[in-house]
Amino acid sequence: MAQRADPGAMLYSIRRPERVERVVMTLEVNAGSHRVAVRPYDVLLDVLREQLNLTGTRRGCDMGTCGCCTVLIDGRPVLSCLTLALEAEGASVRTIEGVATGEGLHPIQDAFVQAGASQCGFCTPGFIMTAVGLLARNADPTEDEVREAISGNMCRCTGYLPIIAAIREAGRLLREKGSAAPEPAGAGGRRR
């Protein structure tokens, strides 16, 4: 009889590199410059949470399907669980911690509170970051445009109607103020 190889034994015999060299890079996050050491495969979500202690950006699915980890890179919503940290070098990253201004909450944060758009709150940072990106490009979105913008974000609590209402209300507030994208406290333009 021929002897069969144990497939599990192969897993243990694969040589893994003992040490992966880290690359020191500078991340511009929430108008501040941060030097971090990353491995080539580190995703932005892990660097934000583990090295910069910015834990408002949530880990949801780790597959890019829930939107909980949304941050803005150069003003555009990006899934930080799928973005290599090295890809963000030289760009401006904005997390939920950088949304409030020196004057208080961002209008989208206020609108979420007023509309009851946050139930358990787990998905809220991702929705807010997506909305900030949308309203910076279009301060008067239609309901369909809001639905399209948030189509990559999942909420299991609200049923989306309060979220849509909050985003549209925030757009109205921003138009009244004449500013679609308030800068975070301490922002003085992009630094490279």
N, C-alpha and C. Protein backbone atom coordinates (compact mmCIF):
# COMPACT_ATOMS: atom_id res chain seq x y z
N MET A 1 0.81 -1.18 0.00
CA MET A 1 0.00 0.00 0.00
C MET A 1 0.86 1.25 0.00
N ALA A 2 0.45 2.20 -0.79
CA ALA A 2 1.17 3.48 -0.84
C ALA A 2 0.78 4.31 0.36
N GLN A 3 1.76 4.97 0.92
CA GLN A 3 1.49 5.79 2.10
C GLN A 3 1.11 7.20 1.65
N ARG A 4 0.06 7.75 2.26
CA ARG A 4 -0.40 9.10 1.91
C ARG A 4 0.35 10.14 2.74
N ALA A 5 0.63 11.25 2.09
CA ALA A 5 1.28 12.36 2.80
C ALA A 5 0.23 13.09 3.64
N ASP A 6 0.63 13.52 4.78
CA ASP A 6 -0.27 14.28 5.67
C ASP A 6 -0.30 15.73 5.19
N PRO A 7 -1.48 16.21 4.66
CA PRO A 7 -1.53 17.59 4.16
C PRO A 7 -1.28 18.62 5.26
N GLY A 8 -1.63 18.31 6.48
CA GLY A 8 -1.39 19.24 7.59
C GLY A 8 0.09 19.42 7.88
N ALA A 9 0.87 18.38 7.64
CA ALA A 9 2.31 18.46 7.89
C ALA A 9 2.97 19.46 6.97
N MET A 10 2.43 19.63 5.76
CA MET A 10 3.00 20.59 4.81
C MET A 10 2.89 22.01 5.34
N LEU A 11 1.81 22.31 6.02
CA LEU A 11 1.63 23.66 6.55
C LEU A 11 2.72 24.02 7.54
N TYR A 12 3.14 23.07 8.31
CA TYR A 12 4.16 23.33 9.32
C TYR A 12 5.57 23.37 8.73
N SER A 13 5.73 22.84 7.53
CA SER A 13 7.06 22.80 6.94
C SER A 13 7.36 24.01 6.06
N ILE A 14 6.37 24.83 5.79
CA ILE A 14 6.59 26.03 4.98
C ILE A 14 7.45 27.01 5.77
N ARG A 15 8.53 27.45 5.15
CA ARG A 15 9.41 28.42 5.82
C ARG A 15 8.82 29.81 5.70
N ARG A 16 8.65 30.45 6.80
CA ARG A 16 8.18 31.83 6.82
C ARG A 16 9.37 32.72 7.17
N PRO A 17 9.39 33.91 6.59
CA PRO A 17 10.49 34.81 6.98
C PRO A 17 10.39 35.10 8.47
N GLU A 18 11.53 35.06 9.13
CA GLU A 18 11.52 35.27 10.57
C GLU A 18 11.24 36.71 10.94
N ARG A 19 11.68 37.63 10.10
CA ARG A 19 11.52 39.03 10.44
C ARG A 19 11.32 39.82 9.15
N VAL A 20 10.25 40.60 9.12
CA VAL A 20 9.99 41.46 7.97
C VAL A 20 10.44 42.86 8.34
N GLU A 21 11.26 43.43 7.48
CA GLU A 21 11.77 44.77 7.75
C GLU A 21 10.63 45.79 7.64
N ARG A 22 10.64 46.73 8.56
CA ARG A 22 9.66 47.82 8.55
C ARG A 22 10.24 49.01 7.80
N VAL A 23 9.34 49.76 7.21
CA VAL A 23 9.70 50.97 6.49
C VAL A 23 9.20 52.15 7.32
N VAL A 24 10.07 53.12 7.56
CA VAL A 24 9.65 54.32 8.28
C VAL A 24 9.08 55.29 7.26
N MET A 25 7.88 55.76 7.54
CA MET A 25 7.20 56.68 6.63
C MET A 25 6.51 57.76 7.44
N THR A 26 6.08 58.80 6.76
CA THR A 26 5.34 59.87 7.39
C THR A 26 3.91 59.84 6.88
N LEU A 27 2.99 59.82 7.81
CA LEU A 27 1.56 59.90 7.47
C LEU A 27 1.03 61.26 7.92
N GLU A 28 0.31 61.91 7.04
CA GLU A 28 -0.38 63.16 7.38
C GLU A 28 -1.81 62.77 7.75
N VAL A 29 -2.10 62.82 9.06
CA VAL A 29 -3.40 62.38 9.54
C VAL A 29 -4.01 63.50 10.37
N ASN A 30 -5.23 63.90 10.01
CA ASN A 30 -5.97 64.93 10.74
C ASN A 30 -5.12 66.19 10.94
N ALA A 31 -4.47 66.61 9.86
CA ALA A 31 -3.66 67.83 9.83
C ALA A 31 -2.41 67.74 10.70
N GLY A 32 -2.01 66.54 11.07
CA GLY A 32 -0.78 66.36 11.84
C GLY A 32 0.14 65.38 11.14
N SER A 33 1.43 65.54 11.33
CA SER A 33 2.42 64.68 10.71
C SER A 33 2.86 63.61 11.71
N HIS A 34 2.86 62.35 11.28
CA HIS A 34 3.19 61.23 12.17
C HIS A 34 4.19 60.31 11.47
N ARG A 35 5.29 60.01 12.14
CA ARG A 35 6.26 59.05 11.62
C ARG A 35 5.90 57.68 12.19
N VAL A 36 5.76 56.73 11.30
CA VAL A 36 5.39 55.38 11.71
C VAL A 36 6.29 54.38 10.99
N ALA A 37 6.45 53.22 11.59
CA ALA A 37 7.21 52.13 10.97
C ALA A 37 6.22 51.04 10.58
N VAL A 38 6.15 50.75 9.29
CA VAL A 38 5.16 49.79 8.80
C VAL A 38 5.83 48.67 8.02
N ARG A 39 5.18 47.53 8.04
CA ARG A 39 5.60 46.42 7.18
C ARG A 39 4.93 46.63 5.83
N PRO A 40 5.48 46.08 4.78
CA PRO A 40 4.91 46.31 3.44
C PRO A 40 3.45 45.89 3.32
N TYR A 41 3.01 44.96 4.15
CA TYR A 41 1.64 44.45 4.06
C TYR A 41 0.69 45.06 5.08
N ASP A 42 1.14 46.01 5.90
CA ASP A 42 0.25 46.63 6.90
C ASP A 42 -0.80 47.49 6.22
N VAL A 43 -2.04 47.29 6.62
CA VAL A 43 -3.12 48.12 6.06
C VAL A 43 -3.28 49.38 6.92
N LEU A 44 -3.81 50.41 6.30
CA LEU A 44 -3.95 51.70 6.95
C LEU A 44 -4.77 51.59 8.23
N LEU A 45 -5.80 50.78 8.24
CA LEU A 45 -6.64 50.59 9.42
C LEU A 45 -5.81 50.20 10.63
N ASP A 46 -4.92 49.23 10.47
CA ASP A 46 -4.11 48.77 11.58
C ASP A 46 -3.14 49.85 12.06
N VAL A 47 -2.55 50.59 11.16
CA VAL A 47 -1.61 51.64 11.54
C VAL A 47 -2.35 52.74 12.30
N LEU A 48 -3.52 53.13 11.81
CA LEU A 48 -4.31 54.17 12.50
C LEU A 48 -4.67 53.73 13.92
N ARG A 49 -5.16 52.51 14.04
CA ARG A 49 -5.64 52.03 15.34
C ARG A 49 -4.50 51.67 16.29
N GLU A 50 -3.50 50.95 15.79
CA GLU A 50 -2.48 50.39 16.67
C GLU A 50 -1.28 51.31 16.91
N GLN A 51 -0.91 52.10 15.92
CA GLN A 51 0.26 52.97 16.11
C GLN A 51 -0.13 54.40 16.46
N LEU A 52 -1.24 54.88 15.93
CA LEU A 52 -1.64 56.26 16.20
C LEU A 52 -2.76 56.36 17.22
N ASN A 53 -3.25 55.23 17.67
CA ASN A 53 -4.32 55.16 18.68
C ASN A 53 -5.58 55.91 18.25
N LEU A 54 -5.87 55.91 16.96
CA LEU A 54 -7.09 56.52 16.43
C LEU A 54 -8.11 55.40 16.25
N THR A 55 -8.78 55.06 17.32
CA THR A 55 -9.64 53.88 17.34
C THR A 55 -11.08 54.15 16.91
N GLY A 56 -11.37 55.38 16.50
CA GLY A 56 -12.71 55.67 16.00
C GLY A 56 -12.98 55.00 14.67
N THR A 57 -11.93 54.75 13.89
CA THR A 57 -12.05 54.01 12.65
C THR A 57 -12.21 52.54 13.03
N ARG A 58 -13.33 51.95 12.62
CA ARG A 58 -13.70 50.62 13.12
C ARG A 58 -13.27 49.50 12.19
N ARG A 59 -13.01 48.36 12.79
CA ARG A 59 -12.77 47.14 12.04
C ARG A 59 -14.09 46.38 12.00
N GLY A 60 -14.60 46.19 10.79
CA GLY A 60 -15.85 45.46 10.65
C GLY A 60 -15.62 44.12 9.99
N CYS A 61 -15.64 44.10 8.68
CA CYS A 61 -15.58 42.84 7.94
C CYS A 61 -14.18 42.44 7.51
N ASP A 62 -13.26 43.37 7.42
CA ASP A 62 -11.90 43.13 6.89
C ASP A 62 -11.91 42.66 5.44
N MET A 63 -13.01 42.90 4.73
CA MET A 63 -13.11 42.48 3.33
C MET A 63 -13.59 43.61 2.42
N GLY A 64 -13.82 44.79 2.98
CA GLY A 64 -14.27 45.92 2.17
C GLY A 64 -15.74 45.91 1.83
N THR A 65 -16.55 45.22 2.62
CA THR A 65 -17.97 45.14 2.29
C THR A 65 -18.87 45.93 3.24
N CYS A 66 -18.36 46.36 4.40
CA CYS A 66 -19.26 47.00 5.38
C CYS A 66 -19.09 48.51 5.49
N GLY A 67 -17.93 49.05 5.14
CA GLY A 67 -17.72 50.49 5.18
C GLY A 67 -17.37 51.05 6.55
N CYS A 68 -17.30 50.23 7.58
CA CYS A 68 -17.00 50.72 8.94
C CYS A 68 -15.64 51.40 9.03
N CYS A 69 -14.71 51.01 8.19
CA CYS A 69 -13.34 51.50 8.27
C CYS A 69 -13.07 52.69 7.35
N THR A 70 -14.13 53.32 6.84
CA THR A 70 -13.96 54.41 5.88
C THR A 70 -13.22 55.60 6.49
N VAL A 71 -12.22 56.07 5.77
CA VAL A 71 -11.50 57.30 6.08
C VAL A 71 -11.46 58.11 4.78
N LEU A 72 -11.03 59.35 4.88
CA LEU A 72 -10.85 60.16 3.67
C LEU A 72 -9.36 60.24 3.35
N ILE A 73 -9.02 59.97 2.12
CA ILE A 73 -7.66 60.20 1.63
C ILE A 73 -7.78 61.23 0.52
N ASP A 74 -7.13 62.37 0.77
CA ASP A 74 -7.24 63.50 -0.15
C ASP A 74 -8.70 63.82 -0.45
N GLY A 75 -9.54 63.73 0.60
CA GLY A 75 -10.94 64.11 0.49
C GLY A 75 -11.88 63.06 -0.06
N ARG A 76 -11.36 61.92 -0.44
CA ARG A 76 -12.20 60.87 -1.02
C ARG A 76 -12.34 59.70 -0.06
N PRO A 77 -13.56 59.17 0.10
CA PRO A 77 -13.76 58.02 0.99
C PRO A 77 -13.00 56.79 0.48
N VAL A 78 -12.29 56.15 1.41
CA VAL A 78 -11.47 54.97 1.09
C VAL A 78 -11.65 53.96 2.22
N LEU A 79 -11.66 52.69 1.88
CA LEU A 79 -11.76 51.63 2.87
C LEU A 79 -10.36 51.35 3.42
N SER A 80 -10.13 51.71 4.66
CA SER A 80 -8.78 51.57 5.23
C SER A 80 -8.39 50.13 5.48
N CYS A 81 -9.34 49.20 5.50
CA CYS A 81 -9.00 47.79 5.68
C CYS A 81 -8.42 47.18 4.42
N LEU A 82 -8.59 47.85 3.28
CA LEU A 82 -8.08 47.35 2.01
C LEU A 82 -6.96 48.21 1.44
N THR A 83 -6.59 49.27 2.15
CA THR A 83 -5.58 50.21 1.67
C THR A 83 -4.27 49.98 2.41
N LEU A 84 -3.23 49.68 1.68
CA LEU A 84 -1.93 49.54 2.32
C LEU A 84 -1.50 50.89 2.89
N ALA A 85 -0.93 50.87 4.07
CA ALA A 85 -0.49 52.11 4.71
C ALA A 85 0.49 52.86 3.81
N LEU A 86 1.36 52.14 3.13
CA LEU A 86 2.34 52.77 2.26
C LEU A 86 1.69 53.58 1.14
N GLU A 87 0.48 53.20 0.74
CA GLU A 87 -0.23 53.93 -0.31
C GLU A 87 -0.67 55.31 0.15
N ALA A 88 -0.74 55.53 1.45
CA ALA A 88 -1.21 56.81 1.98
C ALA A 88 -0.07 57.82 2.18
N GLU A 89 1.15 57.38 1.95
CA GLU A 89 2.28 58.31 2.13
C GLU A 89 2.16 59.45 1.14
N GLY A 90 2.32 60.68 1.64
CA GLY A 90 2.22 61.86 0.80
C GLY A 90 0.81 62.36 0.59
N ALA A 91 -0.17 61.67 1.15
CA ALA A 91 -1.56 62.07 1.01
C ALA A 91 -2.07 62.60 2.35
N SER A 92 -3.19 63.26 2.31
CA SER A 92 -3.83 63.77 3.51
C SER A 92 -4.92 62.79 3.95
N VAL A 93 -4.73 62.20 5.13
CA VAL A 93 -5.69 61.23 5.66
C VAL A 93 -6.52 61.93 6.73
N ARG A 94 -7.82 61.71 6.69
CA ARG A 94 -8.72 62.29 7.69
C ARG A 94 -9.57 61.16 8.26
N THR A 95 -9.57 61.05 9.59
CA THR A 95 -10.35 60.03 10.27
C THR A 95 -11.51 60.70 11.00
N ILE A 96 -12.34 59.91 11.62
CA ILE A 96 -13.47 60.45 12.38
C ILE A 96 -13.00 61.40 13.47
N GLU A 97 -11.83 61.16 14.04
CA GLU A 97 -11.31 62.04 15.09
C GLU A 97 -10.99 63.43 14.55
N GLY A 98 -10.80 63.56 13.25
CA GLY A 98 -10.48 64.85 12.65
C GLY A 98 -11.67 65.57 12.03
N VAL A 99 -12.87 65.08 12.27
CA VAL A 99 -14.05 65.68 11.65
C VAL A 99 -14.55 66.88 12.43
N ALA A 100 -14.60 66.78 13.74
CA ALA A 100 -15.08 67.91 14.54
C ALA A 100 -14.12 69.09 14.38
N THR A 101 -14.66 70.28 14.38
CA THR A 101 -13.84 71.48 14.24
C THR A 101 -13.54 72.05 15.62
N GLY A 102 -12.74 73.09 15.67
CA GLY A 102 -12.45 73.76 16.93
C GLY A 102 -13.69 74.38 17.55
N GLU A 103 -14.72 74.56 16.74
CA GLU A 103 -15.98 75.16 17.20
C GLU A 103 -16.98 74.12 17.69
N GLY A 104 -16.69 72.86 17.55
CA GLY A 104 -17.62 71.82 17.98
C GLY A 104 -17.78 70.75 16.92
N LEU A 105 -18.89 70.06 17.00
CA LEU A 105 -19.14 68.96 16.07
C LEU A 105 -19.33 69.48 14.65
N HIS A 106 -18.97 68.64 13.70
CA HIS A 106 -19.24 68.91 12.28
C HIS A 106 -20.75 68.86 12.10
N PRO A 107 -21.31 69.64 11.17
CA PRO A 107 -22.76 69.58 10.94
C PRO A 107 -23.30 68.18 10.68
N ILE A 108 -22.53 67.30 10.06
CA ILE A 108 -23.03 65.93 9.84
C ILE A 108 -23.14 65.19 11.15
N GLN A 109 -22.23 65.44 12.08
CA GLN A 109 -22.32 64.80 13.39
C GLN A 109 -23.56 65.31 14.14
N ASP A 110 -23.79 66.61 14.10
CA ASP A 110 -25.00 67.18 14.72
C ASP A 110 -26.26 66.59 14.09
N ALA A 111 -26.26 66.52 12.76
CA ALA A 111 -27.44 66.01 12.06
C ALA A 111 -27.70 64.54 12.40
N PHE A 112 -26.66 63.74 12.57
CA PHE A 112 -26.84 62.35 12.96
C PHE A 112 -27.52 62.26 14.33
N VAL A 113 -27.10 63.12 15.24
CA VAL A 113 -27.71 63.12 16.58
C VAL A 113 -29.18 63.52 16.48
N GLN A 114 -29.45 64.61 15.78
CA GLN A 114 -30.82 65.13 15.68
C GLN A 114 -31.77 64.17 14.97
N ALA A 115 -31.28 63.47 13.96
CA ALA A 115 -32.13 62.56 13.17
C ALA A 115 -32.23 61.17 13.78
N GLY A 116 -31.48 60.89 14.84
CA GLY A 116 -31.48 59.54 15.40
C GLY A 116 -30.85 58.55 14.44
N ALA A 117 -29.84 59.01 13.70
CA ALA A 117 -29.23 58.18 12.66
C ALA A 117 -28.20 57.21 13.21
N SER A 118 -27.94 57.28 14.50
CA SER A 118 -26.98 56.37 15.10
C SER A 118 -27.68 55.57 16.18
N GLN A 119 -27.73 54.27 16.01
CA GLN A 119 -28.35 53.41 17.01
C GLN A 119 -27.26 52.82 17.90
N CYS A 120 -26.66 51.72 17.47
CA CYS A 120 -25.59 51.14 18.28
C CYS A 120 -24.30 51.93 18.13
N GLY A 121 -24.12 52.62 17.01
CA GLY A 121 -22.98 53.49 16.80
C GLY A 121 -21.78 52.84 16.14
N PHE A 122 -21.78 51.54 15.95
CA PHE A 122 -20.60 50.89 15.41
C PHE A 122 -20.28 51.35 13.99
N CYS A 123 -21.30 51.48 13.16
CA CYS A 123 -21.08 51.86 11.76
C CYS A 123 -21.02 53.37 11.55
N THR A 124 -21.37 54.14 12.57
CA THR A 124 -21.52 55.59 12.43
C THR A 124 -20.27 56.29 11.90
N PRO A 125 -19.06 56.00 12.41
CA PRO A 125 -17.89 56.70 11.87
C PRO A 125 -17.72 56.51 10.36
N GLY A 126 -17.97 55.31 9.86
CA GLY A 126 -17.85 55.06 8.42
C GLY A 126 -18.86 55.85 7.63
N PHE A 127 -20.10 55.90 8.11
CA PHE A 127 -21.13 56.68 7.44
C PHE A 127 -20.78 58.17 7.46
N ILE A 128 -20.31 58.66 8.60
CA ILE A 128 -19.97 60.08 8.70
C ILE A 128 -18.83 60.42 7.75
N MET A 129 -17.81 59.59 7.68
CA MET A 129 -16.70 59.88 6.78
C MET A 129 -17.15 59.85 5.32
N THR A 130 -18.01 58.91 4.97
CA THR A 130 -18.55 58.85 3.61
C THR A 130 -19.35 60.11 3.33
N ALA A 131 -20.16 60.55 4.30
CA ALA A 131 -20.98 61.74 4.12
C ALA A 131 -20.13 63.00 4.01
N VAL A 132 -19.08 63.11 4.81
CA VAL A 132 -18.19 64.27 4.72
C VAL A 132 -17.58 64.34 3.32
N GLY A 133 -17.14 63.21 2.79
CA GLY A 133 -16.59 63.19 1.44
C GLY A 133 -17.62 63.58 0.40
N LEU A 134 -18.83 63.07 0.53
CA LEU A 134 -19.91 63.41 -0.41
C LEU A 134 -20.22 64.90 -0.35
N LEU A 135 -20.43 65.42 0.86
CA LEU A 135 -20.84 66.82 1.00
C LEU A 135 -19.74 67.80 0.61
N ALA A 136 -18.50 67.38 0.66
CA ALA A 136 -17.41 68.24 0.18
C ALA A 136 -17.47 68.39 -1.34
N ARG A 137 -17.94 67.36 -2.02
CA ARG A 137 -18.07 67.40 -3.48
C ARG A 137 -19.41 67.95 -3.93
N ASN A 138 -20.45 67.71 -3.11
CA ASN A 138 -21.81 68.07 -3.50
C ASN A 138 -22.61 68.38 -2.24
N ALA A 139 -22.74 69.66 -1.92
CA ALA A 139 -23.42 70.06 -0.69
C ALA A 139 -24.94 70.00 -0.81
N ASP A 140 -25.44 69.66 -1.99
CA ASP A 140 -26.89 69.56 -2.18
C ASP A 140 -27.24 68.26 -2.90
N PRO A 141 -26.91 67.12 -2.28
CA PRO A 141 -27.18 65.85 -2.95
C PRO A 141 -28.66 65.48 -2.91
N THR A 142 -29.10 64.83 -3.98
CA THR A 142 -30.46 64.30 -3.99
C THR A 142 -30.48 63.04 -3.11
N GLU A 143 -31.67 62.56 -2.82
CA GLU A 143 -31.76 61.33 -2.04
C GLU A 143 -31.07 60.18 -2.76
N ASP A 144 -31.22 60.12 -4.09
CA ASP A 144 -30.57 59.05 -4.86
C ASP A 144 -29.05 59.17 -4.80
N GLU A 145 -28.52 60.38 -4.82
CA GLU A 145 -27.08 60.58 -4.72
C GLU A 145 -26.56 60.16 -3.35
N VAL A 146 -27.33 60.44 -2.31
CA VAL A 146 -26.95 60.02 -0.96
C VAL A 146 -26.97 58.49 -0.89
N ARG A 147 -28.02 57.88 -1.40
CA ARG A 147 -28.11 56.42 -1.39
C ARG A 147 -26.93 55.79 -2.13
N GLU A 148 -26.56 56.36 -3.27
CA GLU A 148 -25.42 55.85 -4.04
C GLU A 148 -24.13 55.99 -3.23
N ALA A 149 -23.94 57.14 -2.61
CA ALA A 149 -22.71 57.40 -1.85
C ALA A 149 -22.55 56.42 -0.68
N ILE A 150 -23.65 56.11 0.00
CA ILE A 150 -23.57 55.24 1.18
C ILE A 150 -23.80 53.77 0.86
N SER A 151 -23.86 53.45 -0.42
CA SER A 151 -24.15 52.06 -0.81
C SER A 151 -23.07 51.08 -0.35
N GLY A 152 -21.88 51.56 -0.04
CA GLY A 152 -20.82 50.69 0.45
C GLY A 152 -20.76 50.60 1.96
N ASN A 153 -21.71 51.24 2.65
CA ASN A 153 -21.75 51.21 4.11
C ASN A 153 -22.96 50.39 4.56
N MET A 154 -22.74 49.57 5.58
CA MET A 154 -23.84 48.75 6.10
C MET A 154 -24.21 49.18 7.50
N CYS A 155 -25.53 49.19 7.76
CA CYS A 155 -26.06 49.44 9.10
C CYS A 155 -27.11 48.38 9.36
N ARG A 156 -27.01 47.75 10.50
CA ARG A 156 -27.98 46.70 10.84
C ARG A 156 -29.06 47.20 11.78
N CYS A 157 -29.01 48.49 12.15
CA CYS A 157 -29.93 49.00 13.16
C CYS A 157 -30.99 49.97 12.64
N THR A 158 -30.58 50.92 11.80
CA THR A 158 -31.46 52.06 11.54
C THR A 158 -32.40 51.92 10.37
N GLY A 159 -32.10 51.09 9.41
CA GLY A 159 -32.95 51.02 8.23
C GLY A 159 -32.61 52.11 7.22
N TYR A 160 -31.56 52.88 7.42
CA TYR A 160 -30.99 53.86 6.50
C TYR A 160 -31.78 55.16 6.36
N LEU A 161 -33.07 55.19 6.57
CA LEU A 161 -33.83 56.43 6.38
C LEU A 161 -33.33 57.57 7.26
N PRO A 162 -33.07 57.35 8.56
CA PRO A 162 -32.53 58.45 9.37
C PRO A 162 -31.14 58.89 8.90
N ILE A 163 -30.36 57.97 8.39
CA ILE A 163 -29.02 58.30 7.90
C ILE A 163 -29.13 59.20 6.67
N ILE A 164 -29.99 58.84 5.76
CA ILE A 164 -30.19 59.65 4.55
C ILE A 164 -30.70 61.03 4.94
N ALA A 165 -31.66 61.09 5.85
CA ALA A 165 -32.20 62.38 6.30
C ALA A 165 -31.11 63.22 6.96
N ALA A 166 -30.25 62.61 7.75
CA ALA A 166 -29.17 63.34 8.42
C ALA A 166 -28.19 63.92 7.41
N ILE A 167 -27.84 63.16 6.41
CA ILE A 167 -26.88 63.63 5.40
C ILE A 167 -27.48 64.79 4.62
N ARG A 168 -28.72 64.68 4.25
CA ARG A 168 -29.37 65.78 3.51
C ARG A 168 -29.49 67.03 4.38
N GLU A 169 -29.82 66.85 5.66
CA GLU A 169 -29.92 67.99 6.58
C GLU A 169 -28.55 68.64 6.78
N ALA A 170 -27.51 67.84 6.89
CA ALA A 170 -26.16 68.39 7.03
C ALA A 170 -25.78 69.19 5.79
N GLY A 171 -26.16 68.72 4.62
CA GLY A 171 -25.92 69.47 3.40
C GLY A 171 -26.60 70.82 3.44
N ARG A 172 -27.84 70.85 3.92
CA ARG A 172 -28.58 72.11 4.03
C ARG A 172 -27.86 73.05 5.00
N LEU A 173 -27.43 72.53 6.14
CA LEU A 173 -26.72 73.35 7.13
C LEU A 173 -25.41 73.89 6.56
N LEU A 174 -24.69 73.07 5.83
CA LEU A 174 -23.43 73.50 5.24
C LEU A 174 -23.66 74.57 4.17
N ARG A 175 -24.71 74.42 3.39
CA ARG A 175 -25.01 75.44 2.38
C ARG A 175 -25.34 76.76 3.04
N GLU A 176 -26.09 76.71 4.15
CA GLU A 176 -26.43 77.93 4.88
C GLU A 176 -25.18 78.61 5.43
N LYS A 177 -24.23 77.81 5.90
CA LYS A 177 -22.99 78.36 6.44
C LYS A 177 -22.03 78.78 5.34
N GLY A 178 -22.26 78.28 4.12
CA GLY A 178 -21.39 78.62 3.01
C GLY A 178 -20.11 77.82 2.97
N SER A 179 -20.07 76.69 3.65
CA SER A 179 -18.87 75.85 3.68
C SER A 179 -19.27 74.39 3.67
N ALA A 180 -18.80 73.67 2.67
CA ALA A 180 -19.15 72.26 2.58
C ALA A 180 -18.19 71.35 3.33
N ALA A 181 -17.02 71.84 3.68
CA ALA A 181 -16.05 70.94 4.31
C ALA A 181 -15.23 71.68 5.36
N PRO A 182 -15.79 71.88 6.55
CA PRO A 182 -15.01 72.53 7.60
C PRO A 182 -13.72 71.77 7.86
N GLU A 183 -12.64 72.51 8.06
CA GLU A 183 -11.34 71.91 8.35
C GLU A 183 -11.29 71.48 9.81
N PRO A 184 -10.55 70.42 10.11
CA PRO A 184 -10.39 70.02 11.51
C PRO A 184 -9.59 71.07 12.27
N ALA A 185 -9.74 71.07 13.56
CA ALA A 185 -9.00 72.02 14.39
C ALA A 185 -7.51 71.86 14.14
N GLY A 186 -6.83 72.96 13.96
CA GLY A 186 -5.39 72.92 13.75
C GLY A 186 -4.99 72.73 12.31
N ALA A 187 -5.95 72.60 11.39
CA ALA A 187 -5.59 72.40 9.99
C ALA A 187 -5.20 73.73 9.38
N GLY A 188 -4.09 73.73 8.76
CA GLY A 188 -3.64 74.95 8.10
C GLY A 188 -3.26 74.66 6.67
N GLY A 189 -3.99 73.80 6.03
CA GLY A 189 -3.65 73.40 4.68
C GLY A 189 -2.83 72.11 4.71
N ARG A 190 -2.65 71.54 3.55
CA ARG A 190 -1.91 70.27 3.46
C ARG A 190 -0.43 70.49 3.54
N ARG A 191 0.23 69.65 4.29
CA ARG A 191 1.69 69.68 4.37
C ARG A 191 2.20 68.39 3.74
N ARG A 192 3.28 68.48 3.06
CA ARG A 192 3.89 67.29 2.45
C ARG A 192 5.23 67.06 3.04
